[in-house]
Amino acid sequence: MSHTLHPTRVHRLHRSELAVPGSNMGFIDKAAESAADVVFLDLEDAVAPPEKDQARKNVIAALNDIDWAARGKTVSVRINGLDTEYMYRDVIDVMEQAGDRLHTILVPKVGVPADLYLVEALVSQVEQARGHTNRVGLEALIETALGMANVEAIAARGGRLEALHFGVADYAASNRARTVSIGGLNPDYPGDQWHFALSRMIVACRAYGLRAIDGPFGDFSDPDGYRAGARRAAALGAEGKWAIHPSQIELANDVFSPPAAEVERARRIVAALREAQEQGRGAASVDGKMIDAASERMAATVIALDDAIRAAVRS
């Protein structure tokens, strides 16, 4: 094992992330009562230009009026892109008026590490000026060819960065990829055309201690397609997926929660290895299969996730 290690920077339960337009207060209220682990209040793509100012006011009100933490939720705000006229006001107004109630800011279309530096500098200045004691984290959307080309450097930047998200729709547009729907598979491609990009992003996340989150699946009338995409992402190492419709929340929570049988086996692996170690052995057998220290590390990940889910349910 290398002496250069990057443990997870911030642990959060992140199986499902519900996208909610900041322009719709009714949707925001429902999101607070949903089963989503994370809710992001959107000021970007889901809000038309004439509604941007009012959406920002709605989001600030929702952050101040709703106790998201008491509902067991992480609450995030997706700001507008750095290339727009709205971004600086999004950061300053939200941070000045509700920064002590916010968990993370989701930065869209991150292309280079300096994009995050700009947002972090503003966030830090407002926190200092307002005397906020909580530290607002940053999350980056990797959704352009430039962002994917620089994903390792973005992940390595450090600072407030907690997670990377794969924004498949804009990524497809940036690469001029032919796709049938957001996150859907093109039958002309022999397999999953998003596999390489998602896998590359996940590797960057795990190398530098970030959460890895899969993005949207546009056809909310196709639960089987959503579930299949979520399973592929989970198989690669993602720990959660967006829900663009409330019906997708339970699908994500189910796919990214370890089954009871898997948790039970993980606990037996840990117990068997501890017993083996007491007897001076470095390996053991569970269900007729050899297990060793690597097995214990995998088992510990499953157990930690199960513990986090149980803690969220109790709260």
Protein backbone atom coordinates (compact mmCIF):
# COMPACT_ATOMS: atom_id res chain seq x y z
CA MET A 1 0.00 0.00 0.00
CA SER A 2 1.31 3.42 -0.91
CA HIS A 3 2.12 5.86 1.87
CA THR A 4 0.21 8.45 -0.16
CA LEU A 5 -3.35 7.86 0.99
CA HIS A 6 -6.45 10.03 0.67
CA PRO A 7 -9.19 8.90 3.08
CA THR A 8 -12.77 9.95 2.38
CA ARG A 9 -12.93 13.67 3.06
CA VAL A 10 -16.54 13.87 4.22
CA HIS A 11 -18.81 10.91 4.90
CA ARG A 12 -22.45 11.43 3.99
CA LEU A 13 -25.20 8.93 3.23
CA HIS A 14 -25.67 9.57 -0.49
CA ARG A 15 -27.68 6.75 -2.09
CA SER A 16 -30.26 9.03 -3.69
CA GLU A 17 -30.12 12.71 -4.64
CA LEU A 18 -33.39 14.38 -5.58
CA ALA A 19 -33.18 17.27 -8.05
CA VAL A 20 -35.71 20.02 -7.30
CA PRO A 21 -36.23 23.22 -9.31
CA GLY A 22 -35.78 26.27 -7.13
CA SER A 23 -38.64 27.94 -8.95
CA ASN A 24 -41.24 25.55 -7.49
CA MET A 25 -41.87 25.95 -3.75
CA GLY A 26 -44.40 23.13 -3.76
CA PHE A 27 -41.81 20.69 -5.05
CA ILE A 28 -39.30 21.93 -2.46
CA ASP A 29 -41.72 21.28 0.41
CA LYS A 30 -42.40 17.77 -0.87
CA ALA A 31 -38.68 17.08 -1.27
CA ALA A 32 -38.14 17.85 2.41
CA GLU A 33 -40.59 15.08 3.29
CA SER A 34 -39.23 12.58 0.78
CA ALA A 35 -37.02 9.55 1.42
CA ALA A 36 -34.07 11.06 -0.49
CA ASP A 37 -30.74 11.11 1.33
CA VAL A 38 -29.72 14.32 -0.44
CA VAL A 39 -31.77 17.09 -2.04
CA PHE A 40 -30.29 19.66 -4.37
CA LEU A 41 -32.23 22.85 -4.95
CA ASP A 42 -31.55 23.82 -8.53
CA LEU A 43 -30.82 27.32 -9.77
CA GLU A 44 -29.35 26.17 -13.07
CA ASP A 45 -30.87 24.07 -15.85
CA ALA A 46 -34.30 23.50 -14.27
CA VAL A 47 -34.92 27.27 -13.96
CA ALA A 48 -35.71 29.49 -16.95
CA PRO A 49 -33.79 32.80 -17.18
CA PRO A 50 -36.81 35.00 -16.28
CA GLU A 51 -37.27 32.96 -13.08
CA LYS A 52 -33.66 32.98 -11.88
CA ASP A 53 -34.00 35.81 -9.34
CA GLN A 54 -37.19 34.45 -7.80
CA ALA A 55 -35.79 30.91 -7.69
CA ARG A 56 -32.80 32.20 -5.73
CA LYS A 57 -35.14 33.86 -3.23
CA ASN A 58 -37.17 30.66 -2.96
CA VAL A 59 -34.07 28.60 -2.26
CA ILE A 60 -32.88 30.99 0.44
CA ALA A 61 -36.32 30.85 2.08
CA ALA A 62 -36.35 27.05 1.90
CA LEU A 63 -32.92 26.81 3.51
CA ASN A 64 -33.98 29.08 6.37
CA ASP A 65 -37.51 27.78 6.90
CA ILE A 66 -36.94 24.01 6.63
CA ASP A 67 -34.76 22.10 9.08
CA TRP A 68 -33.19 19.76 6.54
CA ALA A 69 -30.76 18.20 9.00
CA ALA A 70 -33.57 17.32 11.39
CA ARG A 71 -35.19 15.42 8.54
CA GLY A 72 -31.96 13.44 8.06
CA LYS A 73 -31.11 15.15 4.78
CA THR A 74 -28.10 16.76 3.21
CA VAL A 75 -29.24 19.88 1.36
CA SER A 76 -27.29 21.28 -1.58
CA VAL A 77 -27.74 24.15 -4.02
CA ARG A 78 -26.75 23.85 -7.66
CA ILE A 79 -25.58 27.27 -8.74
CA ASN A 80 -25.46 28.54 -12.29
CA GLY A 81 -22.34 28.05 -14.41
CA LEU A 82 -19.24 30.18 -14.06
CA ASP A 83 -19.81 31.44 -17.62
CA THR A 84 -23.18 33.00 -16.75
CA GLU A 85 -24.22 36.32 -15.26
CA TYR A 86 -26.05 34.57 -12.42
CA MET A 87 -23.31 32.57 -10.70
CA TYR A 88 -21.69 35.22 -8.50
CA ARG A 89 -25.05 36.37 -7.16
CA ASP A 90 -26.10 32.76 -6.51
CA VAL A 91 -23.06 32.18 -4.31
CA ILE A 92 -23.08 35.51 -2.50
CA ASP A 93 -26.82 35.74 -1.81
CA VAL A 94 -27.21 32.11 -0.74
CA MET A 95 -24.11 32.20 1.45
CA GLU A 96 -24.86 35.58 3.01
CA GLN A 97 -28.53 34.88 3.72
CA ALA A 98 -28.52 31.12 4.38
CA GLY A 99 -24.92 29.90 4.42
CA ASP A 100 -25.26 28.66 7.99
CA ARG A 101 -28.08 26.31 6.88
CA LEU A 102 -26.44 24.88 3.77
CA HIS A 103 -24.39 21.68 3.50
CA THR A 104 -22.90 21.83 0.00
CA ILE A 105 -22.83 23.81 -3.23
CA LEU A 106 -23.00 21.83 -6.47
CA VAL A 107 -20.88 23.48 -9.17
CA PRO A 108 -21.93 22.64 -12.75
CA LYS A 109 -19.71 22.02 -15.75
CA VAL A 110 -16.41 22.08 -13.87
CA GLY A 111 -13.66 21.97 -16.48
CA VAL A 112 -10.46 22.75 -14.58
CA PRO A 113 -9.48 22.89 -10.89
CA ALA A 114 -9.44 26.70 -10.97
CA ASP A 115 -13.21 26.69 -11.49
CA LEU A 116 -13.57 25.32 -7.96
CA TYR A 117 -11.04 27.81 -6.61
CA LEU A 118 -13.23 30.69 -7.76
CA VAL A 119 -16.32 29.37 -5.97
CA GLU A 120 -14.36 28.40 -2.86
CA ALA A 121 -12.82 31.86 -2.58
CA LEU A 122 -16.27 33.47 -2.55
CA VAL A 123 -17.64 30.94 -0.08
CA SER A 124 -14.70 31.41 2.28
CA GLN A 125 -14.97 35.20 2.22
CA VAL A 126 -18.68 35.17 3.05
CA GLU A 127 -18.22 32.62 5.82
CA GLN A 128 -15.54 34.79 7.38
CA ALA A 129 -17.55 37.98 7.01
CA ARG A 130 -20.72 36.45 8.46
CA GLY A 131 -19.00 34.42 11.15
CA HIS A 132 -20.57 31.14 10.04
CA THR A 133 -19.24 28.20 12.02
CA ASN A 134 -20.35 25.42 9.66
CA ARG A 135 -18.15 24.65 6.66
CA VAL A 136 -20.04 24.50 3.36
CA GLY A 137 -18.63 21.81 1.07
CA LEU A 138 -18.33 21.82 -2.70
CA GLU A 139 -19.40 19.15 -5.17
CA ALA A 140 -18.42 19.19 -8.84
CA LEU A 141 -20.40 18.11 -11.86
CA ILE A 142 -18.20 16.41 -14.44
CA GLU A 143 -20.29 16.92 -17.56
CA THR A 144 -18.01 18.16 -20.32
CA ALA A 145 -15.19 16.69 -22.36
CA LEU A 146 -12.84 19.21 -20.71
CA GLY A 147 -13.96 18.19 -17.24
CA MET A 148 -13.47 14.51 -17.99
CA ALA A 149 -10.05 15.18 -19.52
CA ASN A 150 -9.07 16.92 -16.27
CA VAL A 151 -11.04 14.78 -13.82
CA GLU A 152 -8.00 13.51 -11.92
CA ALA A 153 -6.65 17.04 -11.42
CA ILE A 154 -10.08 18.25 -10.32
CA ALA A 155 -10.43 15.39 -7.84
CA ALA A 156 -6.94 16.05 -6.47
CA ARG A 157 -7.59 19.73 -5.83
CA GLY A 158 -8.62 19.29 -2.19
CA GLY A 159 -10.09 22.21 -0.29
CA ARG A 160 -13.84 21.96 0.24
CA LEU A 161 -14.43 19.40 -2.51
CA GLU A 162 -16.44 16.38 -1.28
CA ALA A 163 -17.89 14.63 -4.33
CA LEU A 164 -17.98 14.35 -8.10
CA HIS A 165 -21.18 13.78 -10.06
CA PHE A 166 -21.43 12.42 -13.60
CA GLY A 167 -23.66 14.74 -15.64
CA VAL A 168 -24.47 12.42 -18.50
CA ALA A 169 -26.74 14.75 -20.50
CA ASP A 170 -24.32 17.64 -20.96
CA TYR A 171 -21.47 15.16 -21.26
CA ALA A 172 -23.24 13.56 -24.23
CA ALA A 173 -23.77 16.98 -25.79
CA SER A 174 -20.16 18.00 -25.19
CA ASN A 175 -18.91 14.83 -26.89
CA ARG A 176 -21.56 15.00 -29.62
CA ALA A 177 -22.58 11.50 -28.61
CA ARG A 178 -25.70 9.99 -30.09
CA THR A 179 -28.09 9.01 -27.35
CA VAL A 180 -31.76 8.08 -27.21
CA SER A 181 -32.52 9.67 -23.82
CA ILE A 182 -30.72 11.15 -20.82
CA GLY A 183 -28.65 8.32 -19.38
CA GLY A 184 -30.19 5.79 -21.74
CA LEU A 185 -28.26 3.34 -23.86
CA ASN A 186 -27.82 3.67 -27.61
CA PRO A 187 -28.59 0.28 -29.19
CA ASP A 188 -25.94 0.94 -31.84
CA TYR A 189 -23.23 0.73 -29.17
CA PRO A 190 -22.25 -2.81 -28.06
CA GLY A 191 -22.76 -2.29 -24.34
CA ASP A 192 -22.88 0.76 -22.09
CA GLN A 193 -21.42 3.82 -23.81
CA TRP A 194 -21.15 5.65 -20.45
CA HIS A 195 -19.04 2.93 -18.83
CA PHE A 196 -15.62 4.42 -19.54
CA ALA A 197 -16.48 7.96 -18.45
CA LEU A 198 -18.26 6.91 -15.27
CA SER A 199 -15.52 4.45 -14.37
CA ARG A 200 -12.81 7.06 -14.90
CA MET A 201 -14.62 9.53 -12.66
CA ILE A 202 -15.16 6.92 -9.95
CA VAL A 203 -11.48 5.94 -9.96
CA ALA A 204 -10.53 9.62 -9.53
CA CYS A 205 -12.98 9.90 -6.63
CA ARG A 206 -11.68 6.83 -4.83
CA ALA A 207 -8.06 7.85 -5.37
CA TYR A 208 -8.61 11.24 -3.74
CA GLY A 209 -11.24 10.54 -1.08
CA LEU A 210 -14.39 11.82 -2.78
CA ARG A 211 -17.91 10.46 -3.00
CA ALA A 212 -18.81 9.24 -6.50
CA ILE A 213 -22.37 9.92 -7.63
CA ASP A 214 -24.03 8.84 -10.88
CA GLY A 215 -26.23 11.42 -12.56
CA PRO A 216 -29.73 11.44 -14.04
CA PHE A 217 -31.82 8.93 -15.94
CA GLY A 218 -34.33 10.95 -17.90
CA ASP A 219 -37.15 8.50 -18.59
CA PHE A 220 -38.92 8.36 -15.23
CA SER A 221 -41.61 6.17 -16.79
CA ASP A 222 -38.99 3.40 -17.15
CA PRO A 223 -38.14 2.14 -13.65
CA ASP A 224 -36.47 -0.97 -15.03
CA GLY A 225 -34.10 1.15 -17.13
CA TYR A 226 -33.31 3.34 -14.12
CA ARG A 227 -32.66 0.34 -11.90
CA ALA A 228 -30.40 -1.27 -14.53
CA GLY A 229 -28.35 1.92 -14.88
CA ALA A 230 -28.07 2.27 -11.11
CA ARG A 231 -26.89 -1.32 -10.78
CA ARG A 232 -24.20 -0.78 -13.40
CA ALA A 233 -23.03 2.33 -11.58
CA ALA A 234 -23.02 0.51 -8.25
CA ALA A 235 -21.02 -2.32 -9.77
CA LEU A 236 -18.35 0.22 -10.78
CA GLY A 237 -18.22 1.73 -7.29
CA ALA A 238 -20.66 4.66 -7.34
CA GLU A 239 -22.45 5.12 -4.03
CA GLY A 240 -25.56 6.89 -5.27
CA LYS A 241 -27.55 8.26 -8.18
CA TRP A 242 -29.72 11.25 -8.97
CA ALA A 243 -33.49 11.09 -8.93
CA ILE A 244 -35.11 13.61 -11.25
CA HIS A 245 -38.56 12.38 -10.18
CA PRO A 246 -39.74 11.27 -6.73
CA SER A 247 -40.55 7.81 -8.10
CA GLN A 248 -36.83 7.21 -8.62
CA ILE A 249 -35.86 7.81 -4.97
CA GLU A 250 -36.80 4.38 -3.65
CA LEU A 251 -35.19 2.73 -6.68
CA ALA A 252 -31.87 4.41 -5.87
CA ASN A 253 -32.14 3.72 -2.14
CA ASP A 254 -32.78 0.06 -2.86
CA VAL A 255 -29.96 -0.44 -5.37
CA PHE A 256 -27.34 1.38 -3.30
CA SER A 257 -28.30 -0.30 0.01
CA PRO A 258 -26.52 -3.60 0.71
CA PRO A 259 -28.96 -6.53 0.90
CA ALA A 260 -29.45 -8.07 4.35
CA ALA A 261 -27.73 -11.29 3.24
CA GLU A 262 -24.68 -9.32 2.06
CA VAL A 263 -24.46 -7.47 5.38
CA GLU A 264 -24.79 -10.70 7.35
CA ARG A 265 -22.02 -12.32 5.31
CA ALA A 266 -19.80 -9.26 5.75
CA ARG A 267 -20.16 -9.51 9.52
CA ARG A 268 -19.33 -13.22 9.41
CA ILE A 269 -16.22 -12.46 7.35
CA VAL A 270 -14.98 -9.98 9.96
CA ALA A 271 -15.73 -12.40 12.80
CA ALA A 272 -14.01 -15.31 11.03
CA LEU A 273 -10.86 -13.30 10.32
CA ARG A 274 -10.63 -12.06 13.88
CA GLU A 275 -10.87 -15.63 15.09
CA ALA A 276 -8.20 -16.68 12.60
CA GLN A 277 -5.90 -13.89 13.73
CA GLU A 278 -6.26 -15.00 17.34
CA GLN A 279 -5.06 -18.42 16.17
CA GLY A 280 -2.11 -16.94 14.32
CA ARG A 281 -3.57 -17.36 10.83
CA GLY A 282 -3.91 -14.61 8.20
CA ALA A 283 -6.69 -16.26 6.20
CA ALA A 284 -9.91 -18.13 6.91
CA SER A 285 -12.87 -19.69 5.11
CA VAL A 286 -16.49 -18.51 4.89
CA ASP A 287 -19.10 -20.40 2.88
CA GLY A 288 -16.37 -22.57 1.38
CA LYS A 289 -14.40 -19.57 0.06
CA MET A 290 -11.01 -18.29 1.16
CA ILE A 291 -11.02 -14.85 2.78
CA ASP A 292 -8.12 -12.62 3.83
CA ALA A 293 -7.33 -9.03 4.74
CA ALA A 294 -8.67 -7.74 1.40
CA SER A 295 -11.96 -9.54 2.12
CA GLU A 296 -12.14 -7.78 5.46
CA ARG A 297 -11.66 -4.37 3.85
CA MET A 298 -14.52 -5.06 1.43
CA ALA A 299 -16.68 -6.36 4.27
CA ALA A 300 -15.94 -3.28 6.37
CA THR A 301 -17.25 -1.05 3.57
CA VAL A 302 -20.55 -2.95 3.49
CA ILE A 303 -20.90 -2.84 7.27
CA ALA A 304 -20.15 0.90 7.43
CA LEU A 305 -22.83 1.63 4.83
CA ASP A 306 -25.37 -0.52 6.67
CA ASP A 307 -24.55 1.26 9.92
CA ALA A 308 -25.01 4.66 8.24
CA ILE A 309 -28.41 3.61 6.85
CA ARG A 310 -29.53 2.35 10.25
CA ALA A 311 -28.40 5.58 11.89
CA ALA A 312 -30.35 7.63 9.33
CA VAL A 313 -33.49 5.58 9.98
CA ARG A 314 -33.18 6.10 13.75
CA SER A 315 -32.84 9.84 13.31
